[in-house]
Amino acid sequence: MRDTELTTAQEMVDFLALTIQDGLTPPCCMTGRRSSDNIPLGDVQPGDEPEAWVHPSAAHDSDQFGHCRCCGSSVLYRVEDLDSQGLCEEHKGEFDCDEEEQKDWDDLVEYLTKDS
């Protein structure tokens, strides 16, 4: 074997593993890049196949992608899959109040602002 930039066996193993992983990772749905850093779209459970993959550089496009307020930044969604409150399908309505709760909140606000 001739000399390369990779001087140790561990560096060679790490390089080969990353190269194989990059090659097996599906391409980004926006850029077509194959990278082990690609992020799955949606809340994907182990063993499930995600709808698509997104490269981190494309995931920063807030016009295309976003995060559910409940799921947090670990799960990426298409903007059209989030409702107006920034919630995914699973958490849709999470912060909605029924009539009784809304009346209680309205009464509290009225009470707190009546003397101002």
C-alpha atoms as a PDB file:
ATOM      1  CA  MET A   1       0.000   0.000   0.000  1.00  0.00           C
ATOM      2  CA  ARG A   2       1.379   3.427  -0.858  1.00  0.00           C
ATOM      3  CA  ASP A   3       1.506   6.343   1.582  1.00  0.00           C
ATOM      4  CA  THR A   4      -1.652   8.467   1.840  1.00  0.00           C
ATOM      5  CA  GLU A   5      -2.912  11.295   3.993  1.00  0.00           C
ATOM      6  CA  LEU A   6      -4.364   8.667   6.286  1.00  0.00           C
ATOM      7  CA  THR A   7      -1.434   7.608   8.383  1.00  0.00           C
ATOM      8  CA  THR A   8      -2.962   5.172  10.857  1.00  0.00           C
ATOM      9  CA  ALA A   9      -5.096   2.089  10.453  1.00  0.00           C
ATOM     10  CA  GLN A  10      -7.853   3.659  12.567  1.00  0.00           C
ATOM     11  CA  GLU A  11      -7.951   6.733  10.309  1.00  0.00           C
ATOM     12  CA  MET A  12      -8.249   4.437   7.300  1.00  0.00           C
ATOM     13  CA  VAL A  13     -11.087   2.456   8.918  1.00  0.00           C
ATOM     14  CA  ASP A  14     -12.923   5.667   9.885  1.00  0.00           C
ATOM     15  CA  PHE A  15     -12.478   7.093   6.375  1.00  0.00           C
ATOM     16  CA  LEU A  16     -13.775   3.918   4.718  1.00  0.00           C
ATOM     17  CA  ALA A  17     -16.737   3.639   7.105  1.00  0.00           C
ATOM     18  CA  LEU A  18     -17.759   7.252   6.439  1.00  0.00           C
ATOM     19  CA  THR A  19     -17.372   6.799   2.679  1.00  0.00           C
ATOM     20  CA  ILE A  20     -19.586   3.707   2.724  1.00  0.00           C
ATOM     21  CA  GLN A  21     -22.152   5.377   4.991  1.00  0.00           C
ATOM     22  CA  ASP A  22     -22.298   8.460   2.738  1.00  0.00           C
ATOM     23  CA  GLY A  23     -22.821   6.237  -0.289  1.00  0.00           C
ATOM     24  CA  LEU A  24     -25.652   4.310   1.344  1.00  0.00           C
ATOM     25  CA  THR A  25     -27.464   7.388   2.669  1.00  0.00           C
ATOM     26  CA  PRO A  26     -30.340   8.471   0.423  1.00  0.00           C
ATOM     27  CA  PRO A  27     -29.820  11.788  -1.376  1.00  0.00           C
ATOM     28  CA  CYS A  28     -31.175  15.102  -0.106  1.00  0.00           C
ATOM     29  CA  CYS A  29     -34.587  15.843  -1.649  1.00  0.00           C
ATOM     30  CA  MET A  30     -33.498  19.456  -2.308  1.00  0.00           C
ATOM     31  CA  THR A  31     -29.819  19.308  -3.298  1.00  0.00           C
ATOM     32  CA  GLY A  32     -29.301  15.668  -4.248  1.00  0.00           C
ATOM     33  CA  ARG A  33     -26.258  15.478  -1.942  1.00  0.00           C
ATOM     34  CA  ARG A  34     -25.526  12.161  -0.271  1.00  0.00           C
ATOM     35  CA  SER A  35     -24.170  12.631   3.216  1.00  0.00           C
ATOM     36  CA  SER A  36     -24.310  10.776   6.496  1.00  0.00           C
ATOM     37  CA  ASP A  37     -25.366  14.142   7.966  1.00  0.00           C
ATOM     38  CA  ASN A  38     -28.667  14.131   6.016  1.00  0.00           C
ATOM     39  CA  ILE A  39     -31.719  14.544   8.262  1.00  0.00           C
ATOM     40  CA  PRO A  40     -34.885  12.454   7.867  1.00  0.00           C
ATOM     41  CA  LEU A  41     -38.153  14.336   7.302  1.00  0.00           C
ATOM     42  CA  GLY A  42     -40.884  13.750   9.864  1.00  0.00           C
ATOM     43  CA  ASP A  43     -40.997  11.888  13.130  1.00  0.00           C
ATOM     44  CA  VAL A  44     -39.400   8.634  11.988  1.00  0.00           C
ATOM     45  CA  GLN A  45     -39.381   5.696  14.366  1.00  0.00           C
ATOM     46  CA  PRO A  46     -36.560   3.119  14.286  1.00  0.00           C
ATOM     47  CA  GLY A  47     -37.152   0.685  11.450  1.00  0.00           C
ATOM     48  CA  ASP A  48     -39.387   3.095   9.505  1.00  0.00           C
ATOM     49  CA  GLU A  49     -38.331   4.668   6.221  1.00  0.00           C
ATOM     50  CA  PRO A  50     -38.607   8.477   6.201  1.00  0.00           C
ATOM     51  CA  GLU A  51     -40.565  10.328   3.526  1.00  0.00           C
ATOM     52  CA  ALA A  52     -37.368  12.036   2.383  1.00  0.00           C
ATOM     53  CA  TRP A  53     -33.917  13.167   3.543  1.00  0.00           C
ATOM     54  CA  VAL A  54     -32.601  16.726   3.777  1.00  0.00           C
ATOM     55  CA  HIS A  55     -29.002  17.927   3.876  1.00  0.00           C
ATOM     56  CA  PRO A  56     -28.364  20.235   6.868  1.00  0.00           C
ATOM     57  CA  SER A  57     -27.527  23.158   4.569  1.00  0.00           C
ATOM     58  CA  ALA A  58     -30.969  22.857   2.924  1.00  0.00           C
ATOM     59  CA  ALA A  59     -32.732  22.297   6.260  1.00  0.00           C
ATOM     60  CA  HIS A  60     -31.959  25.904   7.266  1.00  0.00           C
ATOM     61  CA  ASP A  61     -34.385  27.180   4.598  1.00  0.00           C
ATOM     62  CA  SER A  62     -37.248  28.360   6.832  1.00  0.00           C
ATOM     63  CA  ASP A  63     -39.513  28.781   3.798  1.00  0.00           C
ATOM     64  CA  GLN A  64     -39.296  25.028   3.149  1.00  0.00           C
ATOM     65  CA  PHE A  65     -38.635  23.347   6.515  1.00  0.00           C
ATOM     66  CA  GLY A  66     -39.457  23.855  10.175  1.00  0.00           C
ATOM     67  CA  HIS A  67     -39.729  22.203  13.564  1.00  0.00           C
ATOM     68  CA  CYS A  68     -42.826  21.352  15.589  1.00  0.00           C
ATOM     69  CA  ARG A  69     -43.067  23.379  18.802  1.00  0.00           C
ATOM     70  CA  CYS A  70     -43.700  20.162  20.765  1.00  0.00           C
ATOM     71  CA  CYS A  71     -41.326  17.759  19.010  1.00  0.00           C
ATOM     72  CA  GLY A  72     -38.461  20.261  19.185  1.00  0.00           C
ATOM     73  CA  SER A  73     -35.481  20.783  16.947  1.00  0.00           C
ATOM     74  CA  SER A  74     -34.629  17.090  16.696  1.00  0.00           C
ATOM     75  CA  VAL A  75     -37.449  16.467  14.164  1.00  0.00           C
ATOM     76  CA  LEU A  76     -37.605  18.274  10.811  1.00  0.00           C
ATOM     77  CA  TYR A  77     -40.869  18.834   8.912  1.00  0.00           C
ATOM     78  CA  ARG A  78     -41.889  20.467   5.662  1.00  0.00           C
ATOM     79  CA  VAL A  79     -43.508  23.824   6.446  1.00  0.00           C
ATOM     80  CA  GLU A  80     -46.755  22.683   4.823  1.00  0.00           C
ATOM     81  CA  ASP A  81     -46.895  19.763   7.295  1.00  0.00           C
ATOM     82  CA  LEU A  82     -47.035  22.192  10.247  1.00  0.00           C
ATOM     83  CA  ASP A  83     -50.188  24.087  11.212  1.00  0.00           C
ATOM     84  CA  SER A  84     -50.421  27.850  11.818  1.00  0.00           C
ATOM     85  CA  GLN A  85     -49.262  27.336  15.419  1.00  0.00           C
ATOM     86  CA  GLY A  86     -46.148  25.439  14.292  1.00  0.00           C
ATOM     87  CA  LEU A  87     -47.444  22.020  15.331  1.00  0.00           C
ATOM     88  CA  CYS A  88     -47.166  18.702  13.484  1.00  0.00           C
ATOM     89  CA  GLU A  89     -50.143  16.435  12.794  1.00  0.00           C
ATOM     90  CA  GLU A  90     -49.563  14.495  16.027  1.00  0.00           C
ATOM     91  CA  HIS A  91     -49.586  17.644  18.183  1.00  0.00           C
ATOM     92  CA  LYS A  92     -52.224  19.616  16.262  1.00  0.00           C
ATOM     93  CA  GLY A  93     -54.636  21.211  18.740  1.00  0.00           C
ATOM     94  CA  GLU A  94     -52.236  20.712  21.661  1.00  0.00           C
ATOM     95  CA  PHE A  95     -52.753  24.298  22.854  1.00  0.00           C
ATOM     96  CA  ASP A  96     -56.432  24.662  21.923  1.00  0.00           C
ATOM     97  CA  CYS A  97     -58.828  25.349  24.776  1.00  0.00           C
ATOM     98  CA  ASP A  98     -62.355  24.059  25.105  1.00  0.00           C
ATOM     99  CA  GLU A  99     -65.106  26.600  25.857  1.00  0.00           C
ATOM    100  CA  GLU A 100     -64.829  26.205  29.636  1.00  0.00           C
ATOM    101  CA  GLU A 101     -61.040  26.659  29.634  1.00  0.00           C
ATOM    102  CA  GLN A 102     -61.335  29.712  27.368  1.00  0.00           C
ATOM    103  CA  LYS A 103     -63.952  31.247  29.687  1.00  0.00           C
ATOM    104  CA  ASP A 104     -61.659  30.655  32.673  1.00  0.00           C
ATOM    105  CA  TRP A 105     -58.765  32.386  30.882  1.00  0.00           C
ATOM    106  CA  ASP A 106     -60.998  35.286  29.843  1.00  0.00           C
ATOM    107  CA  ASP A 107     -62.225  35.667  33.447  1.00  0.00           C
ATOM    108  CA  LEU A 108     -58.633  35.647  34.722  1.00  0.00           C
ATOM    109  CA  VAL A 109     -57.554  38.288  32.221  1.00  0.00           C
ATOM    110  CA  GLU A 110     -60.571  40.428  33.133  1.00  0.00           C
ATOM    111  CA  TYR A 111     -59.801  40.069  36.841  1.00  0.00           C
ATOM    112  CA  LEU A 112     -56.133  40.985  36.407  1.00  0.00           C
ATOM    113  CA  THR A 113     -56.862  44.017  34.196  1.00  0.00           C
ATOM    114  CA  LYS A 114     -60.002  45.410  35.881  1.00  0.00           C
ATOM    115  CA  ASP A 115     -58.131  47.982  38.006  1.00  0.00           C
ATOM    116  CA  SER A 116     -55.748  49.194  35.354  1.00  0.00           C
END
